[in-house]
C-alpha atoms as a PDB file:
ATOM      1  CA  UNK A   1       0.508   0.152   0.143  1.00  0.00           C
ATOM      2  CA  UNK A   2       2.924   2.043   0.821  1.00  0.00           C
ATOM      3  CA  UNK A   3       3.935   2.199  -2.905  1.00  0.00           C
ATOM      4  CA  UNK A   4       1.111   3.827  -3.899  1.00  0.00           C
ATOM      5  CA  UNK A   5       1.465   6.943  -1.822  1.00  0.00           C
ATOM      6  CA  UNK A   6       4.772   7.252  -3.565  1.00  0.00           C
ATOM      7  CA  UNK A   7       4.044   6.304  -7.429  1.00  0.00           C
ATOM      8  CA  UNK A   8       4.101   9.510  -9.339  1.00  0.00           C
ATOM      9  CA  UNK A   9       1.066   8.171 -11.732  1.00  0.00           C
ATOM     10  CA  UNK A  10      -2.564   9.049 -11.969  1.00  0.00           C
ATOM     11  CA  UNK A  11      -3.118   5.233 -10.963  1.00  0.00           C
ATOM     12  CA  UNK A  12      -2.185   6.295  -6.880  1.00  0.00           C
ATOM     13  CA  UNK A  13      -4.950   7.359  -4.957  1.00  0.00           C
ATOM     14  CA  UNK A  14      -3.733  10.955  -3.577  1.00  0.00           C
ATOM     15  CA  UNK A  15      -0.689  11.582  -6.676  1.00  0.00           C
ATOM     16  CA  UNK A  16      -0.887  11.842 -10.076  1.00  0.00           C
ATOM     17  CA  UNK A  17       0.742  12.616 -12.737  1.00  0.00           C
ATOM     18  CA  UNK A  18      -2.114  14.194 -14.264  1.00  0.00           C
ATOM     19  CA  UNK A  19      -2.835  16.326 -11.310  1.00  0.00           C
ATOM     20  CA  UNK A  20      -1.914  19.829 -11.187  1.00  0.00           C
ATOM     21  CA  UNK A  21      -1.952  22.367  -8.184  1.00  0.00           C
ATOM     22  CA  UNK A  22      -4.243  25.439  -8.409  1.00  0.00           C
ATOM     23  CA  UNK A  23      -1.924  28.108  -7.458  1.00  0.00           C
ATOM     24  CA  UNK A  24      -4.861  30.910  -7.983  1.00  0.00           C
ATOM     25  CA  UNK A  25      -6.583  28.500  -4.708  1.00  0.00           C
ATOM     26  CA  UNK A  26      -3.791  28.682  -2.787  1.00  0.00           C
ATOM     27  CA  UNK A  27      -2.809  32.615  -3.078  1.00  0.00           C
ATOM     28  CA  UNK A  28      -6.950  33.318  -2.301  1.00  0.00           C
ATOM     29  CA  UNK A  29      -6.403  30.838   0.804  1.00  0.00           C
ATOM     30  CA  UNK A  30      -3.270  32.622   1.897  1.00  0.00           C
ATOM     31  CA  UNK A  31      -4.593  35.881   1.629  1.00  0.00           C
ATOM     32  CA  UNK A  32      -7.312  34.752   4.096  1.00  0.00           C
ATOM     33  CA  UNK A  33      -4.717  33.485   6.533  1.00  0.00           C
ATOM     34  CA  UNK A  34      -3.104  36.531   6.676  1.00  0.00           C
ATOM     35  CA  UNK A  35      -6.231  38.548   7.320  1.00  0.00           C
ATOM     36  CA  UNK A  36      -6.991  36.571  10.296  1.00  0.00           C
ATOM     37  CA  UNK A  37      -3.507  37.194  11.388  1.00  0.00           C
ATOM     38  CA  UNK A  38      -3.972  40.685  10.941  1.00  0.00           C
ATOM     39  CA  UNK A  39      -6.867  40.855  12.777  1.00  0.00           C
ATOM     40  CA  UNK A  40      -5.250  38.838  15.874  1.00  0.00           C
ATOM     41  CA  UNK A  41      -2.288  41.330  15.417  1.00  0.00           C
ATOM     42  CA  UNK A  42      -4.550  44.264  15.925  1.00  0.00           C
ATOM     43  CA  UNK A  43      -5.662  42.930  19.323  1.00  0.00           C
ATOM     44  CA  UNK A  44      -2.185  43.141  20.345  1.00  0.00           C
ATOM     45  CA  UNK A  45      -1.843  46.594  19.398  1.00  0.00           C
ATOM     46  CA  UNK A  46      -4.738  47.782  21.021  1.00  0.00           C
ATOM     47  CA  UNK A  47      -3.716  46.412  23.906  1.00  0.00           C
ATOM     48  CA  UNK A  48      -0.334  48.087  23.797  1.00  0.00           C
ATOM     49  CA  UNK A  49      -1.831  51.341  23.318  1.00  0.00           C
ATOM     50  CA  UNK A  50      -4.373  51.055  26.068  1.00  0.00           C
ATOM     51  CA  UNK A  51      -2.813  54.017  28.028  1.00  0.00           C
ATOM     52  CA  UNK A  52      -3.202  56.585  24.830  1.00  0.00           C
ATOM     53  CA  UNK A  53      -6.261  57.880  24.298  1.00  0.00           C
ATOM     54  CA  UNK A  54      -7.199  59.150  20.702  1.00  0.00           C
ATOM     55  CA  UNK A  55      -5.530  62.427  20.819  1.00  0.00           C
ATOM     56  CA  UNK A  56      -2.119  60.937  21.704  1.00  0.00           C
ATOM     57  CA  UNK A  57      -2.052  61.641  25.368  1.00  0.00           C
ATOM     58  CA  UNK A  58      -1.411  59.104  27.906  1.00  0.00           C
ATOM     59  CA  UNK A  59      -4.041  58.101  30.713  1.00  0.00           C
ATOM     60  CA  UNK A  60      -3.805  57.665  33.774  1.00  0.00           C
ATOM     61  CA  UNK A  61      -3.573  53.772  34.252  1.00  0.00           C
ATOM     62  CA  UNK A  62      -1.416  52.201  36.826  1.00  0.00           C
ATOM     63  CA  UNK A  63       1.844  50.835  36.110  1.00  0.00           C
ATOM     64  CA  UNK A  64       0.943  47.058  37.780  1.00  0.00           C
ATOM     65  CA  UNK A  65      -2.031  47.115  35.049  1.00  0.00           C
ATOM     66  CA  UNK A  66      -0.108  48.422  32.107  1.00  0.00           C
ATOM     67  CA  UNK A  67       2.433  45.596  32.604  1.00  0.00           C
ATOM     68  CA  UNK A  68      -0.330  43.276  32.580  1.00  0.00           C
ATOM     69  CA  UNK A  69      -1.327  44.519  29.206  1.00  0.00           C
ATOM     70  CA  UNK A  70       2.204  43.829  27.913  1.00  0.00           C
ATOM     71  CA  UNK A  71       2.038  40.444  28.629  1.00  0.00           C
ATOM     72  CA  UNK A  72      -1.070  40.136  27.141  1.00  0.00           C
ATOM     73  CA  UNK A  73       0.446  41.367  24.078  1.00  0.00           C
ATOM     74  CA  UNK A  74       2.438  39.008  24.260  1.00  0.00           C
ATOM     75  CA  UNK A  75       0.322  35.870  24.523  1.00  0.00           C
ATOM     76  CA  UNK A  76      -2.000  37.181  21.615  1.00  0.00           C
ATOM     77  CA  UNK A  77       1.078  38.262  19.404  1.00  0.00           C
ATOM     78  CA  UNK A  78       2.416  34.630  19.305  1.00  0.00           C
ATOM     79  CA  UNK A  79      -1.564  33.606  19.126  1.00  0.00           C
ATOM     80  CA  UNK A  80      -1.963  35.328  15.900  1.00  0.00           C
ATOM     81  CA  UNK A  81       1.307  33.695  14.586  1.00  0.00           C
ATOM     82  CA  UNK A  82      -0.134  30.155  15.569  1.00  0.00           C
ATOM     83  CA  UNK A  83      -3.397  30.900  14.033  1.00  0.00           C
ATOM     84  CA  UNK A  84      -1.618  32.442  10.750  1.00  0.00           C
ATOM     85  CA  UNK A  85       0.337  29.544  10.460  1.00  0.00           C
ATOM     86  CA  UNK A  86      -2.320  26.960  11.687  1.00  0.00           C
ATOM     87  CA  UNK A  87      -4.730  28.204   9.186  1.00  0.00           C
ATOM     88  CA  UNK A  88      -2.515  28.449   6.311  1.00  0.00           C
ATOM     89  CA  UNK A  89      -1.157  25.074   6.091  1.00  0.00           C
ATOM     90  CA  UNK A  90      -4.332  23.655   6.784  1.00  0.00           C
ATOM     91  CA  UNK A  91      -6.160  25.531   3.395  1.00  0.00           C
ATOM     92  CA  UNK A  92      -2.561  24.825   1.396  1.00  0.00           C
ATOM     93  CA  UNK A  93      -2.209  21.161   2.596  1.00  0.00           C
ATOM     94  CA  UNK A  94      -5.734  19.924   2.076  1.00  0.00           C
ATOM     95  CA  UNK A  95      -5.617  21.645  -1.412  1.00  0.00           C
ATOM     96  CA  UNK A  96      -2.917  19.899  -2.288  1.00  0.00           C
ATOM     97  CA  UNK A  97      -4.013  16.593  -1.109  1.00  0.00           C
ATOM     98  CA  UNK A  98      -7.156  17.512  -3.528  1.00  0.00           C
ATOM     99  CA  UNK A  99      -5.152  18.516  -6.390  1.00  0.00           C
ATOM    100  CA  UNK A 100      -2.725  15.552  -5.699  1.00  0.00           C
ATOM    101  CA  UNK A 101       0.572  17.692  -5.274  1.00  0.00           C
ATOM    102  CA  UNK A 102       1.959  16.064  -2.116  1.00  0.00           C
ATOM    103  CA  UNK A 103       5.529  16.471  -1.259  1.00  0.00           C
ATOM    104  CA  UNK A 104       7.628  13.831  -0.273  1.00  0.00           C
ATOM    105  CA  UNK A 105       7.407  14.895   3.507  1.00  0.00           C
ATOM    106  CA  UNK A 106       3.673  15.452   2.969  1.00  0.00           C
ATOM    107  CA  UNK A 107       3.264  11.530   2.024  1.00  0.00           C
ATOM    108  CA  UNK A 108       5.535  10.530   4.646  1.00  0.00           C
ATOM    109  CA  UNK A 109       3.517  12.210   6.831  1.00  0.00           C
ATOM    110  CA  UNK A 110       0.488  10.723   5.951  1.00  0.00           C
ATOM    111  CA  UNK A 111       1.652   7.122   6.041  1.00  0.00           C
ATOM    112  CA  UNK A 112       3.671   7.523   9.244  1.00  0.00           C
ATOM    113  CA  UNK A 113       1.581  10.169  11.518  1.00  0.00           C
ATOM    114  CA  UNK A 114      -1.949  10.437  10.010  1.00  0.00           C
ATOM    115  CA  UNK A 115      -2.472   6.357   9.729  1.00  0.00           C
ATOM    116  CA  UNK A 116      -0.310   3.209  10.693  1.00  0.00           C
ATOM    117  CA  UNK A 117       0.494   0.489   8.208  1.00  0.00           C
ATOM    118  CA  UNK A 118      -2.811  -1.277   9.197  1.00  0.00           C
ATOM    119  CA  UNK A 119      -5.450   1.837   8.848  1.00  0.00           C
ATOM    120  CA  UNK A 120      -3.361   2.957   5.817  1.00  0.00           C
ATOM    121  CA  UNK A 121      -4.284  -0.464   4.271  1.00  0.00           C
ATOM    122  CA  UNK A 122      -7.707  -0.618   4.913  1.00  0.00           C
ATOM    123  CA  UNK A 123      -8.713   2.868   3.614  1.00  0.00           C
ATOM    124  CA  UNK A 124      -6.448   3.286   0.795  1.00  0.00           C
ATOM    125  CA  UNK A 125      -8.279   1.437  -1.873  1.00  0.00           C
ATOM    126  CA  UNK A 126     -11.327   3.345  -0.734  1.00  0.00           C
ATOM    127  CA  UNK A 127     -13.047   5.492  -3.472  1.00  0.00           C
ATOM    128  CA  UNK A 128     -13.745   8.540  -0.665  1.00  0.00           C
ATOM    129  CA  UNK A 129      -9.747   7.794   0.219  1.00  0.00           C
ATOM    130  CA  UNK A 130      -8.809  11.651  -0.094  1.00  0.00           C
ATOM    131  CA  UNK A 131     -12.112  12.495   1.867  1.00  0.00           C
ATOM    132  CA  UNK A 132     -10.643  10.285   4.706  1.00  0.00           C
ATOM    133  CA  UNK A 133      -7.177  11.924   4.539  1.00  0.00           C
ATOM    134  CA  UNK A 134      -8.256  15.580   4.415  1.00  0.00           C
ATOM    135  CA  UNK A 135     -10.853  14.529   7.550  1.00  0.00           C
ATOM    136  CA  UNK A 136      -8.146  13.034   9.500  1.00  0.00           C
ATOM    137  CA  UNK A 137      -5.376  15.638   8.920  1.00  0.00           C
ATOM    138  CA  UNK A 138      -7.837  18.419   9.961  1.00  0.00           C
ATOM    139  CA  UNK A 139      -8.707  16.208  12.705  1.00  0.00           C
ATOM    140  CA  UNK A 140      -4.774  16.119  13.705  1.00  0.00           C
ATOM    141  CA  UNK A 141      -3.982  19.940  13.006  1.00  0.00           C
ATOM    142  CA  UNK A 142      -6.360  20.889  15.439  1.00  0.00           C
ATOM    143  CA  UNK A 143      -4.409  19.451  18.189  1.00  0.00           C
ATOM    144  CA  UNK A 144      -1.150  21.331  17.099  1.00  0.00           C
ATOM    145  CA  UNK A 145       0.490  24.408  18.036  1.00  0.00           C
ATOM    146  CA  UNK A 146       2.760  26.621  15.454  1.00  0.00           C
ATOM    147  CA  UNK A 147       4.499  28.631  17.881  1.00  0.00           C
ATOM    148  CA  UNK A 148       8.141  27.414  18.062  1.00  0.00           C
ATOM    149  CA  UNK A 149      11.198  27.407  15.101  1.00  0.00           C
ATOM    150  CA  UNK A 150      11.231  23.381  14.909  1.00  0.00           C
ATOM    151  CA  UNK A 151       7.542  23.210  14.597  1.00  0.00           C
ATOM    152  CA  UNK A 152       6.776  26.226  12.046  1.00  0.00           C
ATOM    153  CA  UNK A 153       9.692  24.855  10.056  1.00  0.00           C
ATOM    154  CA  UNK A 154       8.428  20.818  10.059  1.00  0.00           C
ATOM    155  CA  UNK A 155       4.882  21.909   8.877  1.00  0.00           C
ATOM    156  CA  UNK A 156       6.091  24.112   6.498  1.00  0.00           C
ATOM    157  CA  UNK A 157       7.648  21.058   4.706  1.00  0.00           C
ATOM    158  CA  UNK A 158       4.344  19.362   4.030  1.00  0.00           C
ATOM    159  CA  UNK A 159       3.430  22.268   2.330  1.00  0.00           C
ATOM    160  CA  UNK A 160       6.097  22.295  -0.032  1.00  0.00           C
ATOM    161  CA  UNK A 161       8.221  25.242   1.455  1.00  0.00           C
ATOM    162  CA  UNK A 162      11.606  24.162   3.321  1.00  0.00           C
ATOM    163  CA  UNK A 163      13.984  26.100   5.389  1.00  0.00           C
ATOM    164  CA  UNK A 164      11.096  28.751   6.092  1.00  0.00           C
ATOM    165  CA  UNK A 165      13.251  30.747   8.517  1.00  0.00           C
ATOM    166  CA  UNK A 166      16.405  30.949   5.805  1.00  0.00           C
ATOM    167  CA  UNK A 167      13.762  32.079   3.349  1.00  0.00           C
ATOM    168  CA  UNK A 168      12.618  34.889   5.837  1.00  0.00           C
ATOM    169  CA  UNK A 169      16.226  35.865   6.468  1.00  0.00           C
ATOM    170  CA  UNK A 170      17.056  36.118   2.935  1.00  0.00           C
ATOM    171  CA  UNK A 171      13.870  37.769   2.245  1.00  0.00           C
ATOM    172  CA  UNK A 172      13.917  40.106   5.335  1.00  0.00           C
ATOM    173  CA  UNK A 173      17.979  40.652   5.538  1.00  0.00           C
ATOM    174  CA  UNK A 174      17.780  39.423   9.140  1.00  0.00           C
ATOM    175  CA  UNK A 175      20.151  37.398  10.944  1.00  0.00           C
ATOM    176  CA  UNK A 176      18.910  33.620  11.418  1.00  0.00           C
ATOM    177  CA  UNK A 177      20.382  33.545  14.738  1.00  0.00           C
ATOM    178  CA  UNK A 178      18.742  36.757  15.938  1.00  0.00           C
ATOM    179  CA  UNK A 179      15.158  35.713  14.579  1.00  0.00           C
ATOM    180  CA  UNK A 180      15.740  32.238  15.871  1.00  0.00           C
ATOM    181  CA  UNK A 181      16.403  33.419  19.422  1.00  0.00           C
ATOM    182  CA  UNK A 182      14.065  36.382  19.529  1.00  0.00           C
ATOM    183  CA  UNK A 183      10.766  33.720  18.883  1.00  0.00           C
ATOM    184  CA  UNK A 184      12.790  31.084  21.074  1.00  0.00           C
ATOM    185  CA  UNK A 185      12.776  34.303  23.742  1.00  0.00           C
ATOM    186  CA  UNK A 186       9.049  35.111  23.177  1.00  0.00           C
ATOM    187  CA  UNK A 187       7.564  31.541  22.880  1.00  0.00           C
ATOM    188  CA  UNK A 188       8.867  30.826  26.434  1.00  0.00           C
ATOM    189  CA  UNK A 189       7.473  34.246  27.763  1.00  0.00           C
ATOM    190  CA  UNK A 190       4.315  33.432  26.703  1.00  0.00           C
ATOM    191  CA  UNK A 191       4.505  29.869  28.006  1.00  0.00           C
ATOM    192  CA  UNK A 192       5.646  31.214  31.453  1.00  0.00           C
ATOM    193  CA  UNK A 193       2.726  33.994  31.279  1.00  0.00           C
ATOM    194  CA  UNK A 194       0.168  31.593  30.447  1.00  0.00           C
ATOM    195  CA  UNK A 195       1.035  28.500  32.191  1.00  0.00           C
ATOM    196  CA  UNK A 196       3.141  30.241  35.265  1.00  0.00           C
ATOM    197  CA  UNK A 197       1.126  33.082  35.676  1.00  0.00           C
ATOM    198  CA  UNK A 198       4.355  35.051  34.899  1.00  0.00           C
ATOM    199  CA  UNK A 199       5.685  34.072  38.253  1.00  0.00           C
ATOM    200  CA  UNK A 200       9.213  32.468  39.257  1.00  0.00           C
ATOM    201  CA  UNK A 201       8.492  29.066  40.270  1.00  0.00           C
ATOM    202  CA  UNK A 202      11.362  28.148  41.738  1.00  0.00           C
ATOM    203  CA  UNK A 203      11.155  31.011  44.382  1.00  0.00           C
ATOM    204  CA  UNK A 204       9.620  30.671  48.064  1.00  0.00           C
ATOM    205  CA  UNK A 205       8.966  34.023  47.774  1.00  0.00           C
ATOM    206  CA  UNK A 206       6.005  35.534  45.180  1.00  0.00           C
ATOM    207  CA  UNK A 207       8.130  36.262  42.607  1.00  0.00           C
ATOM    208  CA  UNK A 208       6.895  38.064  39.020  1.00  0.00           C
ATOM    209  CA  UNK A 209       9.089  37.672  36.112  1.00  0.00           C
ATOM    210  CA  UNK A 210      10.216  41.300  34.563  1.00  0.00           C
ATOM    211  CA  UNK A 211       8.295  42.355  31.444  1.00  0.00           C
ATOM    212  CA  UNK A 212       8.961  46.084  29.886  1.00  0.00           C
ATOM    213  CA  UNK A 213       6.890  48.117  27.113  1.00  0.00           C
ATOM    214  CA  UNK A 214       9.861  46.878  24.877  1.00  0.00           C
ATOM    215  CA  UNK A 215       8.895  43.632  25.203  1.00  0.00           C
ATOM    216  CA  UNK A 216       5.908  44.277  24.141  1.00  0.00           C
ATOM    217  CA  UNK A 217       6.744  45.962  20.890  1.00  0.00           C
ATOM    218  CA  UNK A 218       9.284  43.816  19.615  1.00  0.00           C
ATOM    219  CA  UNK A 219       7.071  41.000  20.371  1.00  0.00           C
ATOM    220  CA  UNK A 220       4.712  42.256  17.883  1.00  0.00           C
ATOM    221  CA  UNK A 221       7.384  43.297  15.277  1.00  0.00           C
ATOM    222  CA  UNK A 222       8.789  39.950  15.093  1.00  0.00           C
ATOM    223  CA  UNK A 223       5.611  37.772  14.694  1.00  0.00           C
ATOM    224  CA  UNK A 224       4.480  40.464  12.194  1.00  0.00           C
ATOM    225  CA  UNK A 225       7.866  39.896  10.461  1.00  0.00           C
ATOM    226  CA  UNK A 226       7.754  36.136  10.291  1.00  0.00           C
ATOM    227  CA  UNK A 227       3.837  36.218   9.209  1.00  0.00           C
ATOM    228  CA  UNK A 228       4.237  39.204   6.239  1.00  0.00           C
ATOM    229  CA  UNK A 229       7.613  37.331   5.236  1.00  0.00           C
ATOM    230  CA  UNK A 230       5.867  34.006   4.860  1.00  0.00           C
ATOM    231  CA  UNK A 231       2.900  35.431   3.238  1.00  0.00           C
ATOM    232  CA  UNK A 232       5.220  37.425   0.658  1.00  0.00           C
ATOM    233  CA  UNK A 233       7.486  34.465  -0.289  1.00  0.00           C
ATOM    234  CA  UNK A 234       4.271  32.048  -0.888  1.00  0.00           C
ATOM    235  CA  UNK A 235       2.569  34.640  -2.739  1.00  0.00           C
ATOM    236  CA  UNK A 236       5.688  35.210  -4.987  1.00  0.00           C
ATOM    237  CA  UNK A 237       6.076  31.446  -5.773  1.00  0.00           C
END
Protein backbone atom coordinates (compact mmCIF):
# COMPACT_ATOMS: atom_id res chain seq x y z
CA UNK A 1 0.00 0.00 0.00
CA UNK A 2 2.91 2.39 0.65
CA UNK A 3 3.83 2.19 -3.03
CA UNK A 4 0.53 3.81 -3.87
CA UNK A 5 1.56 6.86 -1.87
CA UNK A 6 4.94 7.13 -3.52
CA UNK A 7 4.08 6.27 -7.09
CA UNK A 8 3.93 9.37 -9.27
CA UNK A 9 1.15 8.28 -11.63
CA UNK A 10 -2.54 8.85 -12.17
CA UNK A 11 -3.17 5.39 -10.74
CA UNK A 12 -2.15 6.54 -7.26
CA UNK A 13 -5.00 7.43 -4.90
CA UNK A 14 -3.39 10.61 -3.57
CA UNK A 15 -0.81 11.77 -6.07
CA UNK A 16 -0.97 11.74 -9.80
CA UNK A 17 1.03 12.87 -12.80
CA UNK A 18 -2.01 14.48 -14.38
CA UNK A 19 -2.99 16.41 -11.26
CA UNK A 20 -1.97 20.08 -11.07
CA UNK A 21 -1.81 22.20 -7.94
CA UNK A 22 -4.01 25.27 -8.32
CA UNK A 23 -1.89 28.26 -7.20
CA UNK A 24 -4.82 30.69 -7.53
CA UNK A 25 -6.85 28.78 -4.94
CA UNK A 26 -3.81 28.60 -2.69
CA UNK A 27 -3.12 32.33 -2.89
CA UNK A 28 -6.75 33.17 -2.10
CA UNK A 29 -6.60 30.98 0.99
CA UNK A 30 -3.23 32.44 1.93
CA UNK A 31 -4.82 35.90 1.83
CA UNK A 32 -7.51 34.68 4.24
CA UNK A 33 -4.90 33.33 6.65
CA UNK A 34 -3.03 36.63 6.57
CA UNK A 35 -6.24 38.58 7.25
CA UNK A 36 -6.82 36.37 10.30
CA UNK A 37 -3.28 37.15 11.45
CA UNK A 38 -3.72 40.91 11.01
CA UNK A 39 -6.99 40.81 12.93
CA UNK A 40 -5.26 39.01 15.79
CA UNK A 41 -2.23 41.30 15.83
CA UNK A 42 -4.52 44.35 15.86
CA UNK A 43 -5.79 43.19 19.25
CA UNK A 44 -2.22 43.04 20.53
CA UNK A 45 -1.54 46.54 19.19
CA UNK A 46 -4.71 47.83 20.85
CA UNK A 47 -3.55 46.48 24.21
CA UNK A 48 -0.10 47.97 23.75
CA UNK A 49 -1.71 51.42 23.43
CA UNK A 50 -4.39 50.89 26.08
CA UNK A 51 -3.02 53.83 28.09
CA UNK A 52 -3.17 56.26 25.16
CA UNK A 53 -6.36 58.07 24.15
CA UNK A 54 -7.47 59.05 20.65
CA UNK A 55 -5.58 62.35 20.89
CA UNK A 56 -2.35 60.57 21.80
CA UNK A 57 -2.43 61.69 25.42
CA UNK A 58 -1.40 59.27 28.17
CA UNK A 59 -4.15 58.01 30.46
CA UNK A 60 -3.65 57.69 34.20
CA UNK A 61 -3.53 53.90 34.38
CA UNK A 62 -1.48 52.30 37.18
CA UNK A 63 1.81 50.76 36.09
CA UNK A 64 0.96 47.25 37.32
CA UNK A 65 -2.08 47.23 35.02
CA UNK A 66 0.01 48.45 32.09
CA UNK A 67 2.55 45.68 32.73
CA UNK A 68 -0.26 43.12 32.63
CA UNK A 69 -1.40 44.57 29.31
CA UNK A 70 2.13 43.97 27.98
CA UNK A 71 1.87 40.36 29.11
CA UNK A 72 -1.40 40.09 27.20
CA UNK A 73 0.31 41.61 24.15
CA UNK A 74 2.88 38.81 24.14
CA UNK A 75 0.19 36.14 24.46
CA UNK A 76 -1.99 37.64 21.72
CA UNK A 77 0.98 38.20 19.36
CA UNK A 78 2.20 34.61 19.60
CA UNK A 79 -1.40 33.40 19.29
CA UNK A 80 -1.82 35.47 16.13
CA UNK A 81 1.26 33.80 14.61
CA UNK A 82 -0.01 30.38 15.68
CA UNK A 83 -3.40 31.04 14.09
CA UNK A 84 -1.80 32.31 10.88
CA UNK A 85 0.47 29.31 10.42
CA UNK A 86 -2.29 26.83 11.29
CA UNK A 87 -4.83 28.45 8.94
CA UNK A 88 -2.31 28.77 6.12
CA UNK A 89 -1.06 25.19 6.41
CA UNK A 90 -4.52 23.68 6.80
CA UNK A 91 -5.77 25.35 3.62
CA UNK A 92 -2.61 24.73 1.58
CA UNK A 93 -2.16 21.09 2.55
CA UNK A 94 -5.82 20.23 2.04
CA UNK A 95 -5.57 21.84 -1.40
CA UNK A 96 -2.47 19.80 -2.22
CA UNK A 97 -4.19 16.60 -1.13
CA UNK A 98 -7.21 17.47 -3.27
CA UNK A 99 -5.00 18.35 -6.26
CA UNK A 100 -2.83 15.29 -5.57
CA UNK A 101 0.36 17.35 -5.63
CA UNK A 102 2.02 16.14 -2.44
CA UNK A 103 5.54 16.84 -1.29
CA UNK A 104 7.70 13.92 -0.19
CA UNK A 105 7.36 15.09 3.42
CA UNK A 106 3.57 15.25 3.17
CA UNK A 107 3.36 11.71 1.77
CA UNK A 108 5.54 10.48 4.64
CA UNK A 109 3.40 12.39 7.14
CA UNK A 110 0.23 10.71 5.83
CA UNK A 111 1.81 7.27 5.95
CA UNK A 112 3.60 7.55 9.28
CA UNK A 113 1.60 10.03 11.38
CA UNK A 114 -1.97 10.21 10.08
CA UNK A 115 -2.31 6.46 9.52
CA UNK A 116 -0.44 3.41 10.65
CA UNK A 117 0.34 0.59 8.23
CA UNK A 118 -2.81 -1.39 9.06
CA UNK A 119 -5.31 1.47 8.85
CA UNK A 120 -3.72 2.79 5.67
CA UNK A 121 -4.06 -0.66 4.10
CA UNK A 122 -7.75 -0.69 5.00
CA UNK A 123 -8.70 2.69 3.52
CA UNK A 124 -6.24 3.34 0.68
CA UNK A 125 -8.42 1.71 -2.00
CA UNK A 126 -11.68 3.27 -0.81
CA UNK A 127 -13.38 5.60 -3.25
CA UNK A 128 -13.53 8.34 -0.60
CA UNK A 129 -9.88 7.90 0.42
CA UNK A 130 -9.03 11.56 -0.32
CA UNK A 131 -11.91 12.75 1.88
CA UNK A 132 -10.72 10.47 4.68
CA UNK A 133 -7.17 11.82 4.45
CA UNK A 134 -8.41 15.43 4.58
CA UNK A 135 -10.69 14.66 7.53
CA UNK A 136 -7.89 12.90 9.39
CA UNK A 137 -5.50 15.73 8.64
CA UNK A 138 -7.97 18.37 9.92
CA UNK A 139 -8.51 16.50 13.18
CA UNK A 140 -4.77 16.06 13.68
CA UNK A 141 -3.98 19.74 13.10
CA UNK A 142 -6.62 20.88 15.60
CA UNK A 143 -4.36 19.47 18.34
CA UNK A 144 -1.14 21.02 17.02
CA UNK A 145 0.59 24.22 18.07
CA UNK A 146 2.64 26.30 15.62
CA UNK A 147 4.64 28.66 17.81
CA UNK A 148 8.30 27.60 17.80
CA UNK A 149 10.78 27.52 14.95
CA UNK A 150 11.06 23.71 14.83
CA UNK A 151 7.30 23.24 14.72
CA UNK A 152 6.77 25.86 12.03
CA UNK A 153 9.63 24.55 9.87
CA UNK A 154 8.51 20.92 10.19
CA UNK A 155 4.98 21.59 9.02
CA UNK A 156 5.89 24.16 6.39
CA UNK A 157 7.78 21.33 4.67
CA UNK A 158 4.46 19.52 4.30
CA UNK A 159 3.27 22.45 2.22
CA UNK A 160 6.37 22.28 0.04
CA UNK A 161 8.22 25.17 1.71
CA UNK A 162 11.55 23.93 3.04
CA UNK A 163 13.84 25.84 5.42
CA UNK A 164 11.27 28.58 5.78
CA UNK A 165 13.28 30.56 8.34
CA UNK A 166 16.26 30.75 5.99
CA UNK A 167 13.84 31.99 3.33
CA UNK A 168 12.56 34.62 5.77
CA UNK A 169 16.04 35.83 6.67
CA UNK A 170 17.00 36.17 3.01
CA UNK A 171 13.81 38.01 2.14
CA UNK A 172 13.89 40.34 5.16
CA UNK A 173 17.71 40.63 5.34
CA UNK A 174 17.87 39.70 9.01
CA UNK A 175 20.08 37.36 11.03
CA UNK A 176 18.84 33.78 11.34
CA UNK A 177 20.36 33.46 14.83
CA UNK A 178 18.68 36.68 15.99
CA UNK A 179 15.34 35.68 14.48
CA UNK A 180 15.46 32.21 16.04
CA UNK A 181 16.62 33.57 19.38
CA UNK A 182 13.90 36.19 19.57
CA UNK A 183 11.17 33.70 18.64
CA UNK A 184 12.42 31.31 21.33
CA UNK A 185 12.48 34.15 23.85
CA UNK A 186 8.91 35.20 23.21
CA UNK A 187 7.44 31.71 22.94
CA UNK A 188 9.07 30.95 26.30
CA UNK A 189 7.72 34.21 27.72
CA UNK A 190 4.25 33.36 26.43
CA UNK A 191 4.48 29.90 28.01
CA UNK A 192 5.43 31.36 31.41
CA UNK A 193 2.58 33.88 31.27
CA UNK A 194 -0.04 31.31 30.28
CA UNK A 195 1.10 28.37 32.39
CA UNK A 196 2.83 30.00 35.36
CA UNK A 197 1.00 33.32 35.68
CA UNK A 198 4.35 34.88 34.74
CA UNK A 199 5.73 33.94 38.14
CA UNK A 200 9.13 32.46 38.88
CA UNK A 201 8.02 29.17 40.41
CA UNK A 202 11.56 28.35 41.56
CA UNK A 203 11.42 31.09 44.18
CA UNK A 204 9.96 30.57 47.66
CA UNK A 205 8.68 34.15 47.71
CA UNK A 206 5.99 35.29 45.27
CA UNK A 207 8.11 36.63 42.41
CA UNK A 208 6.85 37.98 39.10
CA UNK A 209 9.00 37.80 35.99
CA UNK A 210 10.05 41.18 34.65
CA UNK A 211 8.37 42.62 31.58
CA UNK A 212 8.52 46.06 29.98
CA UNK A 213 7.07 47.95 27.03
CA UNK A 214 9.95 47.06 24.73
CA UNK A 215 9.06 43.37 25.17
CA UNK A 216 5.54 44.04 23.91
CA UNK A 217 6.77 46.18 21.01
CA UNK A 218 9.48 43.74 19.96
CA UNK A 219 7.13 40.76 20.11
CA UNK A 220 4.62 42.47 17.83
CA UNK A 221 7.39 43.39 15.40
CA UNK A 222 8.78 39.87 15.39
CA UNK A 223 5.56 38.02 14.61
CA UNK A 224 4.58 40.62 11.99
CA UNK A 225 7.94 40.09 10.30
CA UNK A 226 7.57 36.30 10.27
CA UNK A 227 3.96 36.23 9.06
CA UNK A 228 4.49 38.99 6.48
CA UNK A 229 7.57 37.32 5.00
CA UNK A 230 5.92 33.87 4.82
CA UNK A 231 2.95 35.48 3.09
CA UNK A 232 5.23 37.34 0.70
CA UNK A 233 7.34 34.24 -0.07
CA UNK A 234 4.28 32.12 -0.80
CA UNK A 235 2.63 34.79 -2.94
CA UNK A 236 5.77 35.08 -5.07
CA UNK A 237 5.93 31.35 -5.85
